[in-house]
Amino acid sequence: MESLLILVNIILAIILIIVILLQRSEGGALGLGVSQDNFTSTRSMGTFLTKFTSIVAALFIICSIAIVAISRDELRETQSVLEKEEEKDTSLPQIPQSK
């Protein structure tokens, strides 16, 4: 489950980077040489990219928090090294101690 969330988180990060790079720094969108003749479609595209960016960012944050929550639960279930040594099966052949 954790590896699936990590994969989703990486994909969301890549999508977020691409969407942010598509936006103009002046607040517009698609800095790919769109002319001013198409101003209304540029504005609507900017609104779409802004909303899409916020949705992807929210999903990225939620996925990151879920990964942390899952990993914390797994850490609580683990035992210390000393406890694992005590539970070791002694029926297996042991390596002789050196003198």
N, C-alpha and C. Protein backbone atom coordinates (compact mmCIF):
# COMPACT_ATOMS: atom_id res chain seq x y z
N MET A 1 0.82 -1.19 0.00
CA MET A 1 0.00 0.00 0.00
C MET A 1 0.87 1.26 0.00
N GLU A 2 1.93 1.20 0.80
CA GLU A 2 2.80 2.37 0.89
C GLU A 2 3.51 2.63 -0.43
N SER A 3 3.95 1.58 -1.10
CA SER A 3 4.64 1.76 -2.38
C SER A 3 3.69 2.31 -3.45
N LEU A 4 2.43 1.92 -3.38
CA LEU A 4 1.45 2.47 -4.32
C LEU A 4 1.24 3.96 -4.08
N LEU A 5 1.16 4.36 -2.81
CA LEU A 5 1.01 5.78 -2.49
C LEU A 5 2.24 6.58 -2.89
N ILE A 6 3.41 5.98 -2.74
CA ILE A 6 4.63 6.67 -3.16
C ILE A 6 4.64 6.87 -4.68
N LEU A 7 4.21 5.86 -5.42
CA LEU A 7 4.12 5.98 -6.87
C LEU A 7 3.13 7.06 -7.28
N VAL A 8 1.97 7.08 -6.64
CA VAL A 8 0.97 8.12 -6.94
C VAL A 8 1.52 9.50 -6.59
N ASN A 9 2.26 9.59 -5.48
CA ASN A 9 2.83 10.87 -5.07
C ASN A 9 3.86 11.37 -6.08
N ILE A 10 4.67 10.47 -6.62
CA ILE A 10 5.66 10.86 -7.64
C ILE A 10 4.96 11.33 -8.91
N ILE A 11 3.92 10.63 -9.32
CA ILE A 11 3.17 11.03 -10.52
C ILE A 11 2.52 12.40 -10.31
N LEU A 12 1.93 12.61 -9.12
CA LEU A 12 1.33 13.92 -8.83
C LEU A 12 2.37 15.02 -8.82
N ALA A 13 3.57 14.73 -8.32
CA ALA A 13 4.64 15.73 -8.31
C ALA A 13 5.05 16.11 -9.73
N ILE A 14 5.15 15.13 -10.60
CA ILE A 14 5.53 15.41 -12.00
C ILE A 14 4.44 16.23 -12.68
N ILE A 15 3.18 15.86 -12.47
CA ILE A 15 2.07 16.62 -13.06
C ILE A 15 2.06 18.04 -12.54
N LEU A 16 2.31 18.20 -11.24
CA LEU A 16 2.31 19.54 -10.64
C LEU A 16 3.43 20.40 -11.21
N ILE A 17 4.59 19.82 -11.41
CA ILE A 17 5.71 20.57 -12.01
C ILE A 17 5.37 21.01 -13.43
N ILE A 18 4.80 20.11 -14.21
CA ILE A 18 4.46 20.45 -15.60
C ILE A 18 3.40 21.53 -15.66
N VAL A 19 2.37 21.43 -14.82
CA VAL A 19 1.29 22.43 -14.83
C VAL A 19 1.81 23.78 -14.39
N ILE A 20 2.69 23.81 -13.40
CA ILE A 20 3.25 25.09 -12.95
C ILE A 20 4.12 25.71 -14.03
N LEU A 21 4.88 24.89 -14.74
CA LEU A 21 5.73 25.43 -15.80
C LEU A 21 4.94 25.93 -17.00
N LEU A 22 3.72 25.43 -17.18
CA LEU A 22 2.89 25.90 -18.29
C LEU A 22 2.31 27.29 -18.03
N GLN A 23 2.24 27.69 -16.80
CA GLN A 23 1.62 28.98 -16.47
C GLN A 23 2.60 30.11 -16.67
N ARG A 24 2.04 31.27 -16.98
CA ARG A 24 2.84 32.48 -17.13
C ARG A 24 3.16 33.05 -15.76
N SER A 25 4.28 33.72 -15.67
CA SER A 25 4.66 34.31 -14.39
C SER A 25 3.88 35.58 -14.09
N GLU A 26 3.26 36.20 -15.11
CA GLU A 26 2.50 37.43 -14.90
C GLU A 26 1.08 37.15 -14.41
N GLY A 27 0.74 35.93 -14.18
CA GLY A 27 -0.60 35.61 -13.73
C GLY A 27 -1.46 35.03 -14.85
N GLY A 28 -1.00 35.11 -16.07
CA GLY A 28 -1.73 34.50 -17.17
C GLY A 28 -1.39 33.03 -17.25
N ALA A 29 -1.80 32.41 -18.33
CA ALA A 29 -1.52 30.98 -18.45
C ALA A 29 -0.94 30.68 -19.81
N LEU A 30 -0.34 29.56 -19.93
CA LEU A 30 0.24 29.06 -21.18
C LEU A 30 1.17 30.08 -21.83
N GLY A 31 2.31 30.23 -21.26
CA GLY A 31 3.29 31.16 -21.82
C GLY A 31 3.95 30.58 -23.04
N LEU A 32 3.14 30.07 -23.95
CA LEU A 32 3.67 29.42 -25.14
C LEU A 32 3.50 30.29 -26.39
N GLY A 33 3.47 31.60 -26.22
CA GLY A 33 3.38 32.49 -27.36
C GLY A 33 1.97 32.70 -27.86
N VAL A 34 0.99 32.68 -27.00
CA VAL A 34 -0.40 32.91 -27.41
C VAL A 34 -0.57 34.40 -27.67
N SER A 35 -1.21 34.74 -28.78
CA SER A 35 -1.37 36.15 -29.13
C SER A 35 -2.48 36.79 -28.30
N GLN A 36 -2.51 38.13 -28.30
CA GLN A 36 -3.52 38.86 -27.55
C GLN A 36 -4.89 38.82 -28.23
N ASP A 37 -4.95 38.36 -29.48
CA ASP A 37 -6.23 38.25 -30.18
C ASP A 37 -7.12 37.22 -29.49
N ASN A 38 -6.52 36.27 -28.90
CA ASN A 38 -7.25 35.19 -28.26
C ASN A 38 -7.29 35.39 -26.75
N PHE A 39 -7.49 36.62 -26.29
CA PHE A 39 -7.37 36.96 -24.87
C PHE A 39 -8.39 36.23 -24.01
N THR A 40 -9.62 36.08 -24.48
CA THR A 40 -10.64 35.44 -23.65
C THR A 40 -10.33 33.97 -23.44
N SER A 41 -9.85 33.29 -24.47
CA SER A 41 -9.52 31.88 -24.29
C SER A 41 -8.27 31.72 -23.43
N THR A 42 -7.35 32.69 -23.52
CA THR A 42 -6.17 32.66 -22.67
C THR A 42 -6.56 32.83 -21.22
N ARG A 43 -7.51 33.72 -20.95
CA ARG A 43 -7.97 33.94 -19.58
C ARG A 43 -8.67 32.69 -19.04
N SER A 44 -9.52 32.08 -19.88
CA SER A 44 -10.21 30.87 -19.40
C SER A 44 -9.23 29.73 -19.19
N MET A 45 -8.20 29.65 -20.03
CA MET A 45 -7.18 28.62 -19.85
C MET A 45 -6.40 28.87 -18.58
N GLY A 46 -6.14 30.14 -18.27
CA GLY A 46 -5.44 30.49 -17.04
C GLY A 46 -6.26 30.11 -15.82
N THR A 47 -7.56 30.33 -15.88
CA THR A 47 -8.43 29.94 -14.77
C THR A 47 -8.44 28.43 -14.61
N PHE A 48 -8.50 27.72 -15.73
CA PHE A 48 -8.47 26.26 -15.67
C PHE A 48 -7.17 25.76 -15.07
N LEU A 49 -6.03 26.30 -15.53
CA LEU A 49 -4.75 25.85 -15.02
C LEU A 49 -4.58 26.19 -13.55
N THR A 50 -5.10 27.33 -13.13
CA THR A 50 -5.01 27.70 -11.71
C THR A 50 -5.81 26.73 -10.85
N LYS A 51 -7.02 26.42 -11.28
CA LYS A 51 -7.84 25.47 -10.52
C LYS A 51 -7.22 24.07 -10.55
N PHE A 52 -6.73 23.67 -11.70
CA PHE A 52 -6.11 22.35 -11.83
C PHE A 52 -4.86 22.24 -10.95
N THR A 53 -4.08 23.32 -10.90
CA THR A 53 -2.89 23.34 -10.06
C THR A 53 -3.25 23.20 -8.59
N SER A 54 -4.29 23.91 -8.16
CA SER A 54 -4.68 23.82 -6.76
C SER A 54 -5.23 22.44 -6.41
N ILE A 55 -5.94 21.81 -7.33
CA ILE A 55 -6.45 20.46 -7.08
C ILE A 55 -5.31 19.45 -7.00
N VAL A 56 -4.37 19.52 -7.93
CA VAL A 56 -3.24 18.59 -7.92
C VAL A 56 -2.37 18.82 -6.68
N ALA A 57 -2.19 20.07 -6.29
CA ALA A 57 -1.40 20.37 -5.08
C ALA A 57 -2.09 19.81 -3.84
N ALA A 58 -3.40 19.94 -3.76
CA ALA A 58 -4.14 19.40 -2.61
C ALA A 58 -4.03 17.88 -2.57
N LEU A 59 -4.15 17.22 -3.72
CA LEU A 59 -3.99 15.77 -3.77
C LEU A 59 -2.58 15.34 -3.38
N PHE A 60 -1.59 16.12 -3.80
CA PHE A 60 -0.20 15.83 -3.45
C PHE A 60 0.02 15.91 -1.94
N ILE A 61 -0.54 16.93 -1.32
CA ILE A 61 -0.39 17.11 0.13
C ILE A 61 -1.12 16.00 0.88
N ILE A 62 -2.32 15.66 0.45
CA ILE A 62 -3.09 14.59 1.10
C ILE A 62 -2.35 13.26 0.97
N CYS A 63 -1.81 12.99 -0.20
CA CYS A 63 -1.07 11.74 -0.42
C CYS A 63 0.20 11.70 0.44
N SER A 64 0.88 12.84 0.57
CA SER A 64 2.08 12.90 1.40
C SER A 64 1.76 12.64 2.87
N ILE A 65 0.65 13.22 3.34
CA ILE A 65 0.24 13.01 4.73
C ILE A 65 -0.14 11.55 4.95
N ALA A 66 -0.80 10.93 3.97
CA ALA A 66 -1.16 9.52 4.09
C ALA A 66 0.07 8.63 4.16
N ILE A 67 1.10 8.96 3.38
CA ILE A 67 2.34 8.18 3.41
C ILE A 67 2.99 8.27 4.79
N VAL A 68 3.01 9.47 5.35
CA VAL A 68 3.60 9.65 6.69
C VAL A 68 2.80 8.88 7.73
N ALA A 69 1.47 8.93 7.64
CA ALA A 69 0.62 8.23 8.61
C ALA A 69 0.83 6.72 8.53
N ILE A 70 0.93 6.19 7.33
CA ILE A 70 1.14 4.75 7.16
C ILE A 70 2.52 4.34 7.67
N SER A 71 3.53 5.13 7.37
CA SER A 71 4.88 4.77 7.81
C SER A 71 5.01 4.87 9.33
N ARG A 72 4.30 5.81 9.96
CA ARG A 72 4.33 5.90 11.43
C ARG A 72 3.67 4.68 12.06
N ASP A 73 2.58 4.20 11.48
CA ASP A 73 1.93 3.01 12.00
C ASP A 73 2.84 1.79 11.90
N GLU A 74 3.59 1.69 10.81
CA GLU A 74 4.51 0.57 10.64
C GLU A 74 5.66 0.66 11.63
N LEU A 75 6.10 1.86 11.97
CA LEU A 75 7.18 2.01 12.92
C LEU A 75 6.75 1.60 14.32
N ARG A 76 5.52 1.84 14.66
CA ARG A 76 5.02 1.47 15.99
C ARG A 76 4.93 -0.04 16.16
N GLU A 77 4.71 -0.77 15.08
CA GLU A 77 4.56 -2.21 15.15
C GLU A 77 5.89 -2.95 15.20
N THR A 78 6.96 -2.31 14.83
CA THR A 78 8.25 -3.00 14.81
C THR A 78 8.79 -3.18 16.22
N GLN A 79 9.66 -4.15 16.34
CA GLN A 79 10.28 -4.44 17.62
C GLN A 79 11.72 -3.95 17.59
N SER A 80 12.29 -3.85 18.76
CA SER A 80 13.68 -3.47 18.81
C SER A 80 14.54 -4.65 18.39
N VAL A 81 15.79 -4.41 18.12
CA VAL A 81 16.71 -5.46 17.69
C VAL A 81 16.90 -6.48 18.81
N LEU A 82 16.95 -6.02 20.05
CA LEU A 82 17.14 -6.93 21.18
C LEU A 82 15.95 -7.87 21.33
N GLU A 83 14.74 -7.37 21.14
CA GLU A 83 13.56 -8.22 21.24
C GLU A 83 13.55 -9.26 20.13
N LYS A 84 14.00 -8.91 18.96
CA LYS A 84 14.05 -9.87 17.86
C LYS A 84 15.08 -10.97 18.14
N GLU A 85 16.19 -10.61 18.78
CA GLU A 85 17.22 -11.59 19.12
C GLU A 85 16.69 -12.60 20.13
N GLU A 86 15.88 -12.15 21.08
CA GLU A 86 15.35 -13.04 22.10
C GLU A 86 14.37 -14.04 21.50
N GLU A 87 13.65 -13.64 20.46
CA GLU A 87 12.67 -14.51 19.83
C GLU A 87 13.27 -15.43 18.78
N LYS A 88 14.56 -15.32 18.55
CA LYS A 88 15.21 -16.11 17.51
C LYS A 88 15.08 -17.60 17.84
N ASP A 89 14.88 -18.38 16.81
CA ASP A 89 14.72 -19.82 16.98
C ASP A 89 16.08 -20.45 17.27
N THR A 90 16.19 -21.17 18.39
CA THR A 90 17.47 -21.77 18.77
C THR A 90 17.63 -23.18 18.22
N SER A 91 16.64 -23.71 17.52
CA SER A 91 16.76 -25.06 16.98
C SER A 91 17.65 -25.10 15.74
N LEU A 92 17.93 -23.94 15.16
CA LEU A 92 18.82 -23.90 14.00
C LEU A 92 20.26 -24.08 14.45
N PRO A 93 21.12 -24.64 13.60
CA PRO A 93 22.52 -24.80 13.98
C PRO A 93 23.16 -23.43 14.22
N GLN A 94 23.96 -23.35 15.26
CA GLN A 94 24.61 -22.10 15.63
C GLN A 94 26.05 -22.09 15.11
N ILE A 95 26.55 -20.92 14.82
CA ILE A 95 27.94 -20.74 14.40
C ILE A 95 28.81 -20.82 15.65
N PRO A 96 29.86 -21.63 15.62
CA PRO A 96 30.71 -21.73 16.80
C PRO A 96 31.39 -20.41 17.11
N GLN A 97 31.53 -20.13 18.39
CA GLN A 97 32.17 -18.90 18.84
C GLN A 97 33.69 -19.03 18.68
N SER A 98 34.33 -17.95 18.27
CA SER A 98 35.80 -17.97 18.14
C SER A 98 36.44 -17.75 19.50
N LYS A 99 37.64 -18.29 19.68
CA LYS A 99 38.33 -18.20 20.98
C LYS A 99 39.10 -16.95 21.14
